């Protein structure tokens, strides 16, 4: 009697095919990941600290090739830099320029004000984010009220007399503040308030 050949169950063959498909998909995924990581795109990088409100041009930027993958569209490409563009926040030297950090000057919400401070820490320089504290005068200026925050997030633009910072004298400092804070800052200046500068995070 001739015996018929045993047939492999259909579901066993299906599991084998699914396994092969999963292996191939895994290999393709790894290849795609490696291929994407090797791709670079030209983006702009700040060569110096750029303050809010400053114009951004080729003088402050350089082109670098970086592998950002899907994030490359979030950074400023050389061909995307528009004439007259300004920084809307501080860009530190060496930072890749995000698109969100560049804007139109007409929409800028910051401006600079010069204040005279009696307390400027030695490590404060252009680009430092600081708090402005003020103490209104009492008794015809012979004493002052308790200090309180005037501006919570100002940016130092320029310190006029760096050599005098440790001498305890009054120092002119240019700070970048939100336009909504300008009236309060000017009122503190004209009112004779004692204004102090505190780097953000100091003492915390």
C-alpha atoms as a PDB file:
ATOM      1  CA  UNK A   1       0.000   0.000   0.000  1.00  0.00           C
ATOM      2  CA  UNK A   2       1.335   3.364  -0.933  1.00  0.00           C
ATOM      3  CA  UNK A   3       1.243   5.817   1.967  1.00  0.00           C
ATOM      4  CA  UNK A   4       0.350   9.432   1.209  1.00  0.00           C
ATOM      5  CA  UNK A   5       2.935  12.120   2.188  1.00  0.00           C
ATOM      6  CA  UNK A   6       2.062  14.065   5.345  1.00  0.00           C
ATOM      7  CA  UNK A   7       1.254  17.679   4.664  1.00  0.00           C
ATOM      8  CA  UNK A   8       2.514  20.499   6.958  1.00  0.00           C
ATOM      9  CA  UNK A   9      -0.397  22.344   8.545  1.00  0.00           C
ATOM     10  CA  UNK A  10      -1.278  25.626   6.855  1.00  0.00           C
ATOM     11  CA  UNK A  11      -1.019  27.643  10.094  1.00  0.00           C
ATOM     12  CA  UNK A  12       2.548  26.418  10.644  1.00  0.00           C
ATOM     13  CA  UNK A  13       3.570  27.820   7.255  1.00  0.00           C
ATOM     14  CA  UNK A  14       1.775  31.094   8.064  1.00  0.00           C
ATOM     15  CA  UNK A  15       3.699  31.535  11.307  1.00  0.00           C
ATOM     16  CA  UNK A  16       6.948  30.953   9.448  1.00  0.00           C
ATOM     17  CA  UNK A  17       6.087  33.580   6.852  1.00  0.00           C
ATOM     18  CA  UNK A  18       5.097  36.071   9.556  1.00  0.00           C
ATOM     19  CA  UNK A  19       8.401  35.480  11.323  1.00  0.00           C
ATOM     20  CA  UNK A  20      10.358  36.099   8.125  1.00  0.00           C
ATOM     21  CA  UNK A  21       8.349  39.295   7.503  1.00  0.00           C
ATOM     22  CA  UNK A  22       9.090  40.577  11.023  1.00  0.00           C
ATOM     23  CA  UNK A  23      12.816  39.935  10.599  1.00  0.00           C
ATOM     24  CA  UNK A  24      12.847  41.759   7.272  1.00  0.00           C
ATOM     25  CA  UNK A  25      10.893  44.680   8.761  1.00  0.00           C
ATOM     26  CA  UNK A  26      13.357  44.909  11.656  1.00  0.00           C
ATOM     27  CA  UNK A  27      16.322  44.963   9.286  1.00  0.00           C
ATOM     28  CA  UNK A  28      14.652  47.640   7.159  1.00  0.00           C
ATOM     29  CA  UNK A  29      13.936  49.740  10.261  1.00  0.00           C
ATOM     30  CA  UNK A  30      17.550  49.598  11.424  1.00  0.00           C
ATOM     31  CA  UNK A  31      18.796  50.474   7.947  1.00  0.00           C
ATOM     32  CA  UNK A  32      16.418  53.431   7.753  1.00  0.00           C
ATOM     33  CA  UNK A  33      17.502  54.677  11.198  1.00  0.00           C
ATOM     34  CA  UNK A  34      21.200  54.466  10.317  1.00  0.00           C
ATOM     35  CA  UNK A  35      20.617  56.080   6.937  1.00  0.00           C
ATOM     36  CA  UNK A  36      18.670  58.964   8.492  1.00  0.00           C
ATOM     37  CA  UNK A  37      21.284  59.560  11.198  1.00  0.00           C
ATOM     38  CA  UNK A  38      23.964  59.922   8.544  1.00  0.00           C
ATOM     39  CA  UNK A  39      22.059  62.613   6.656  1.00  0.00           C
ATOM     40  CA  UNK A  40      23.043  66.167   7.521  1.00  0.00           C
ATOM     41  CA  UNK A  41      21.466  69.507   6.734  1.00  0.00           C
ATOM     42  CA  UNK A  42      22.902  73.047   6.745  1.00  0.00           C
ATOM     43  CA  UNK A  43      21.626  75.220   9.599  1.00  0.00           C
ATOM     44  CA  UNK A  44      22.777  78.510  11.118  1.00  0.00           C
ATOM     45  CA  UNK A  45      24.753  78.753  14.344  1.00  0.00           C
ATOM     46  CA  UNK A  46      25.365  81.876  16.419  1.00  0.00           C
ATOM     47  CA  UNK A  47      29.042  82.848  16.565  1.00  0.00           C
ATOM     48  CA  UNK A  48      28.498  85.240  19.487  1.00  0.00           C
ATOM     49  CA  UNK A  49      25.836  86.047  22.059  1.00  0.00           C
ATOM     50  CA  UNK A  50      22.924  87.817  20.348  1.00  0.00           C
ATOM     51  CA  UNK A  51      20.528  89.764  22.564  1.00  0.00           C
ATOM     52  CA  UNK A  52      16.752  90.134  22.131  1.00  0.00           C
ATOM     53  CA  UNK A  53      16.032  92.889  19.625  1.00  0.00           C
ATOM     54  CA  UNK A  54      19.418  92.671  17.885  1.00  0.00           C
ATOM     55  CA  UNK A  55      19.463  92.278  14.122  1.00  0.00           C
ATOM     56  CA  UNK A  56      20.569  88.866  12.898  1.00  0.00           C
ATOM     57  CA  UNK A  57      22.831  88.804   9.861  1.00  0.00           C
ATOM     58  CA  UNK A  58      25.671  86.769   8.427  1.00  0.00           C
ATOM     59  CA  UNK A  59      28.073  88.659  10.723  1.00  0.00           C
ATOM     60  CA  UNK A  60      26.652  86.864  13.767  1.00  0.00           C
ATOM     61  CA  UNK A  61      26.109  83.473  12.135  1.00  0.00           C
ATOM     62  CA  UNK A  62      27.921  80.616  10.476  1.00  0.00           C
ATOM     63  CA  UNK A  63      26.653  77.632   8.490  1.00  0.00           C
ATOM     64  CA  UNK A  64      27.168  74.187  10.028  1.00  0.00           C
ATOM     65  CA  UNK A  65      26.205  70.731   8.790  1.00  0.00           C
ATOM     66  CA  UNK A  66      24.380  68.755  11.469  1.00  0.00           C
ATOM     67  CA  UNK A  67      22.391  65.543  11.595  1.00  0.00           C
ATOM     68  CA  UNK A  68      19.105  66.582  13.180  1.00  0.00           C
ATOM     69  CA  UNK A  69      16.830  64.115  11.399  1.00  0.00           C
ATOM     70  CA  UNK A  70      13.193  65.176  11.627  1.00  0.00           C
ATOM     71  CA  UNK A  71      14.172  68.159  13.814  1.00  0.00           C
ATOM     72  CA  UNK A  72      16.070  69.938  11.046  1.00  0.00           C
ATOM     73  CA  UNK A  73      12.921  71.847  10.086  1.00  0.00           C
ATOM     74  CA  UNK A  74      12.865  73.468  13.532  1.00  0.00           C
ATOM     75  CA  UNK A  75      16.126  75.367  12.951  1.00  0.00           C
ATOM     76  CA  UNK A  76      17.005  78.311  10.759  1.00  0.00           C
ATOM     77  CA  UNK A  77      18.458  77.309   7.401  1.00  0.00           C
ATOM     78  CA  UNK A  78      20.718  79.716   5.450  1.00  0.00           C
ATOM     79  CA  UNK A  79      18.086  80.257   2.760  1.00  0.00           C
ATOM     80  CA  UNK A  80      15.420  81.034   5.381  1.00  0.00           C
ATOM     81  CA  UNK A  81      17.180  84.052   6.927  1.00  0.00           C
ATOM     82  CA  UNK A  82      15.188  87.167   6.029  1.00  0.00           C
ATOM     83  CA  UNK A  83      16.714  90.679   5.823  1.00  0.00           C
ATOM     84  CA  UNK A  84      15.917  92.699   8.930  1.00  0.00           C
ATOM     85  CA  UNK A  85      15.219  89.653  11.122  1.00  0.00           C
ATOM     86  CA  UNK A  86      15.886  90.100  14.834  1.00  0.00           C
ATOM     87  CA  UNK A  87      16.401  87.805  17.802  1.00  0.00           C
ATOM     88  CA  UNK A  88      13.326  87.496  20.000  1.00  0.00           C
ATOM     89  CA  UNK A  89      15.300  85.837  22.793  1.00  0.00           C
ATOM     90  CA  UNK A  90      18.938  85.561  23.784  1.00  0.00           C
ATOM     91  CA  UNK A  91      21.042  83.350  21.509  1.00  0.00           C
ATOM     92  CA  UNK A  92      24.223  82.117  23.147  1.00  0.00           C
ATOM     93  CA  UNK A  93      27.479  81.712  21.249  1.00  0.00           C
ATOM     94  CA  UNK A  94      27.612  78.290  19.602  1.00  0.00           C
ATOM     95  CA  UNK A  95      23.839  77.727  19.745  1.00  0.00           C
ATOM     96  CA  UNK A  96      21.975  76.444  16.699  1.00  0.00           C
ATOM     97  CA  UNK A  97      19.378  79.079  15.821  1.00  0.00           C
ATOM     98  CA  UNK A  98      15.787  77.846  16.316  1.00  0.00           C
ATOM     99  CA  UNK A  99      13.153  79.288  14.010  1.00  0.00           C
ATOM    100  CA  UNK A 100      11.181  80.334  17.094  1.00  0.00           C
ATOM    101  CA  UNK A 101      14.073  82.567  18.226  1.00  0.00           C
ATOM    102  CA  UNK A 102      13.908  84.766  15.121  1.00  0.00           C
ATOM    103  CA  UNK A 103      11.170  87.243  14.332  1.00  0.00           C
ATOM    104  CA  UNK A 104      10.102  90.462  12.677  1.00  0.00           C
ATOM    105  CA  UNK A 105      11.166  93.723  14.354  1.00  0.00           C
ATOM    106  CA  UNK A 106       7.599  95.067  14.132  1.00  0.00           C
ATOM    107  CA  UNK A 107       6.415  92.258  16.409  1.00  0.00           C
ATOM    108  CA  UNK A 108       9.215  92.662  18.926  1.00  0.00           C
ATOM    109  CA  UNK A 109       7.992  92.997  22.511  1.00  0.00           C
ATOM    110  CA  UNK A 110      11.268  94.084  24.122  1.00  0.00           C
ATOM    111  CA  UNK A 111      13.303  97.264  24.387  1.00  0.00           C
ATOM    112  CA  UNK A 112      16.389  98.408  26.287  1.00  0.00           C
ATOM    113  CA  UNK A 113      16.582 100.750  29.265  1.00  0.00           C
ATOM    114  CA  UNK A 114      19.654 102.113  31.076  1.00  0.00           C
ATOM    115  CA  UNK A 115      19.487 101.872  34.860  1.00  0.00           C
ATOM    116  CA  UNK A 116      21.918 102.928  37.561  1.00  0.00           C
ATOM    117  CA  UNK A 117      22.533 100.161  40.066  1.00  0.00           C
ATOM    118  CA  UNK A 118      24.465  99.997  43.315  1.00  0.00           C
ATOM    119  CA  UNK A 119      24.822  96.220  43.192  1.00  0.00           C
ATOM    120  CA  UNK A 120      26.099  94.459  40.056  1.00  0.00           C
ATOM    121  CA  UNK A 121      27.605  90.978  40.588  1.00  0.00           C
ATOM    122  CA  UNK A 122      31.031  90.433  39.066  1.00  0.00           C
ATOM    123  CA  UNK A 123      29.840  87.525  36.886  1.00  0.00           C
ATOM    124  CA  UNK A 124      27.140  89.575  35.152  1.00  0.00           C
ATOM    125  CA  UNK A 125      27.858  90.301  31.483  1.00  0.00           C
ATOM    126  CA  UNK A 126      26.043  90.762  28.166  1.00  0.00           C
ATOM    127  CA  UNK A 127      23.453  88.028  27.712  1.00  0.00           C
ATOM    128  CA  UNK A 128      23.024  87.236  31.427  1.00  0.00           C
ATOM    129  CA  UNK A 129      19.382  86.746  32.441  1.00  0.00           C
ATOM    130  CA  UNK A 130      18.697  88.652  35.648  1.00  0.00           C
ATOM    131  CA  UNK A 131      16.011  89.833  38.026  1.00  0.00           C
ATOM    132  CA  UNK A 132      15.713  93.547  38.780  1.00  0.00           C
ATOM    133  CA  UNK A 133      14.917  94.321  42.417  1.00  0.00           C
ATOM    134  CA  UNK A 134      14.022  97.780  43.707  1.00  0.00           C
ATOM    135  CA  UNK A 135      13.542  99.479  47.052  1.00  0.00           C
ATOM    136  CA  UNK A 136      11.578 102.779  47.034  1.00  0.00           C
ATOM    137  CA  UNK A 137      13.034 105.556  49.188  1.00  0.00           C
ATOM    138  CA  UNK A 138      11.468 106.729  52.460  1.00  0.00           C
ATOM    139  CA  UNK A 139      12.344 109.566  54.842  1.00  0.00           C
ATOM    140  CA  UNK A 140      13.500 111.806  51.990  1.00  0.00           C
ATOM    141  CA  UNK A 141      15.899 109.160  50.682  1.00  0.00           C
ATOM    142  CA  UNK A 142      17.672 108.537  53.982  1.00  0.00           C
ATOM    143  CA  UNK A 143      16.215 105.004  54.099  1.00  0.00           C
ATOM    144  CA  UNK A 144      14.505 102.542  51.765  1.00  0.00           C
ATOM    145  CA  UNK A 145      11.575 100.166  51.880  1.00  0.00           C
ATOM    146  CA  UNK A 146      11.951  96.387  51.756  1.00  0.00           C
ATOM    147  CA  UNK A 147      13.333  95.306  48.338  1.00  0.00           C
ATOM    148  CA  UNK A 148      10.937  93.598  45.943  1.00  0.00           C
ATOM    149  CA  UNK A 149      11.067  92.315  42.380  1.00  0.00           C
ATOM    150  CA  UNK A 150      10.658  94.957  39.693  1.00  0.00           C
ATOM    151  CA  UNK A 151      11.309  92.787  36.598  1.00  0.00           C
ATOM    152  CA  UNK A 152      11.565  88.998  36.831  1.00  0.00           C
ATOM    153  CA  UNK A 153      13.283  88.309  33.504  1.00  0.00           C
ATOM    154  CA  UNK A 154      15.532  91.063  32.155  1.00  0.00           C
ATOM    155  CA  UNK A 155      18.622  90.496  30.005  1.00  0.00           C
ATOM    156  CA  UNK A 156      21.899  92.383  30.411  1.00  0.00           C
ATOM    157  CA  UNK A 157      22.885  94.217  27.230  1.00  0.00           C
ATOM    158  CA  UNK A 158      25.891  96.203  28.507  1.00  0.00           C
ATOM    159  CA  UNK A 159      27.669  97.063  31.731  1.00  0.00           C
ATOM    160  CA  UNK A 160      29.174 100.538  31.415  1.00  0.00           C
ATOM    161  CA  UNK A 161      31.913 100.316  34.036  1.00  0.00           C
ATOM    162  CA  UNK A 162      33.068  96.764  34.593  1.00  0.00           C
ATOM    163  CA  UNK A 163      36.126  97.935  36.565  1.00  0.00           C
ATOM    164  CA  UNK A 164      33.863  99.492  39.170  1.00  0.00           C
ATOM    165  CA  UNK A 165      31.640  96.503  39.835  1.00  0.00           C
ATOM    166  CA  UNK A 166      33.446  95.501  43.010  1.00  0.00           C
ATOM    167  CA  UNK A 167      34.042  99.019  44.224  1.00  0.00           C
ATOM    168  CA  UNK A 168      30.498  99.524  45.489  1.00  0.00           C
ATOM    169  CA  UNK A 169      29.863 102.574  43.294  1.00  0.00           C
ATOM    170  CA  UNK A 170      26.854 103.287  41.124  1.00  0.00           C
ATOM    171  CA  UNK A 171      27.110 101.613  37.732  1.00  0.00           C
ATOM    172  CA  UNK A 172      25.146 102.283  34.543  1.00  0.00           C
ATOM    173  CA  UNK A 173      23.732  99.060  33.101  1.00  0.00           C
ATOM    174  CA  UNK A 174      21.731  98.655  29.901  1.00  0.00           C
ATOM    175  CA  UNK A 175      19.062  95.980  30.259  1.00  0.00           C
ATOM    176  CA  UNK A 176      16.565  94.471  27.817  1.00  0.00           C
ATOM    177  CA  UNK A 177      13.038  94.280  29.245  1.00  0.00           C
ATOM    178  CA  UNK A 178       9.548  93.548  28.012  1.00  0.00           C
ATOM    179  CA  UNK A 179       7.769  96.680  26.795  1.00  0.00           C
ATOM    180  CA  UNK A 180       5.058  96.042  29.378  1.00  0.00           C
ATOM    181  CA  UNK A 181       7.660  96.580  32.136  1.00  0.00           C
ATOM    182  CA  UNK A 182       9.126  99.828  30.782  1.00  0.00           C
ATOM    183  CA  UNK A 183       6.741 102.129  32.668  1.00  0.00           C
ATOM    184  CA  UNK A 184       7.514 100.460  36.017  1.00  0.00           C
ATOM    185  CA  UNK A 185      11.262 100.596  35.386  1.00  0.00           C
ATOM    186  CA  UNK A 186      11.177 104.280  34.421  1.00  0.00           C
ATOM    187  CA  UNK A 187       9.035 105.050  37.472  1.00  0.00           C
ATOM    188  CA  UNK A 188      11.585 103.337  39.705  1.00  0.00           C
ATOM    189  CA  UNK A 189      14.424 105.306  38.093  1.00  0.00           C
ATOM    190  CA  UNK A 190      12.738 108.711  38.362  1.00  0.00           C
ATOM    191  CA  UNK A 191      11.502 107.910  41.874  1.00  0.00           C
ATOM    192  CA  UNK A 192      15.032 107.398  43.145  1.00  0.00           C
ATOM    193  CA  UNK A 193      14.591 103.710  43.967  1.00  0.00           C
ATOM    194  CA  UNK A 194      17.638 101.658  44.852  1.00  0.00           C
ATOM    195  CA  UNK A 195      17.833  99.101  42.019  1.00  0.00           C
ATOM    196  CA  UNK A 196      19.788  95.865  42.340  1.00  0.00           C
ATOM    197  CA  UNK A 197      20.606  93.194  39.775  1.00  0.00           C
ATOM    198  CA  UNK A 198      20.337  89.518  40.702  1.00  0.00           C
ATOM    199  CA  UNK A 199      21.291  86.753  38.197  1.00  0.00           C
ATOM    200  CA  UNK A 200      18.410  84.331  37.689  1.00  0.00           C
ATOM    201  CA  UNK A 201      18.747  81.369  40.029  1.00  0.00           C
ATOM    202  CA  UNK A 202      21.214  83.058  42.352  1.00  0.00           C
ATOM    203  CA  UNK A 203      20.705  81.965  45.912  1.00  0.00           C
ATOM    204  CA  UNK A 204      18.152  79.302  45.002  1.00  0.00           C
END
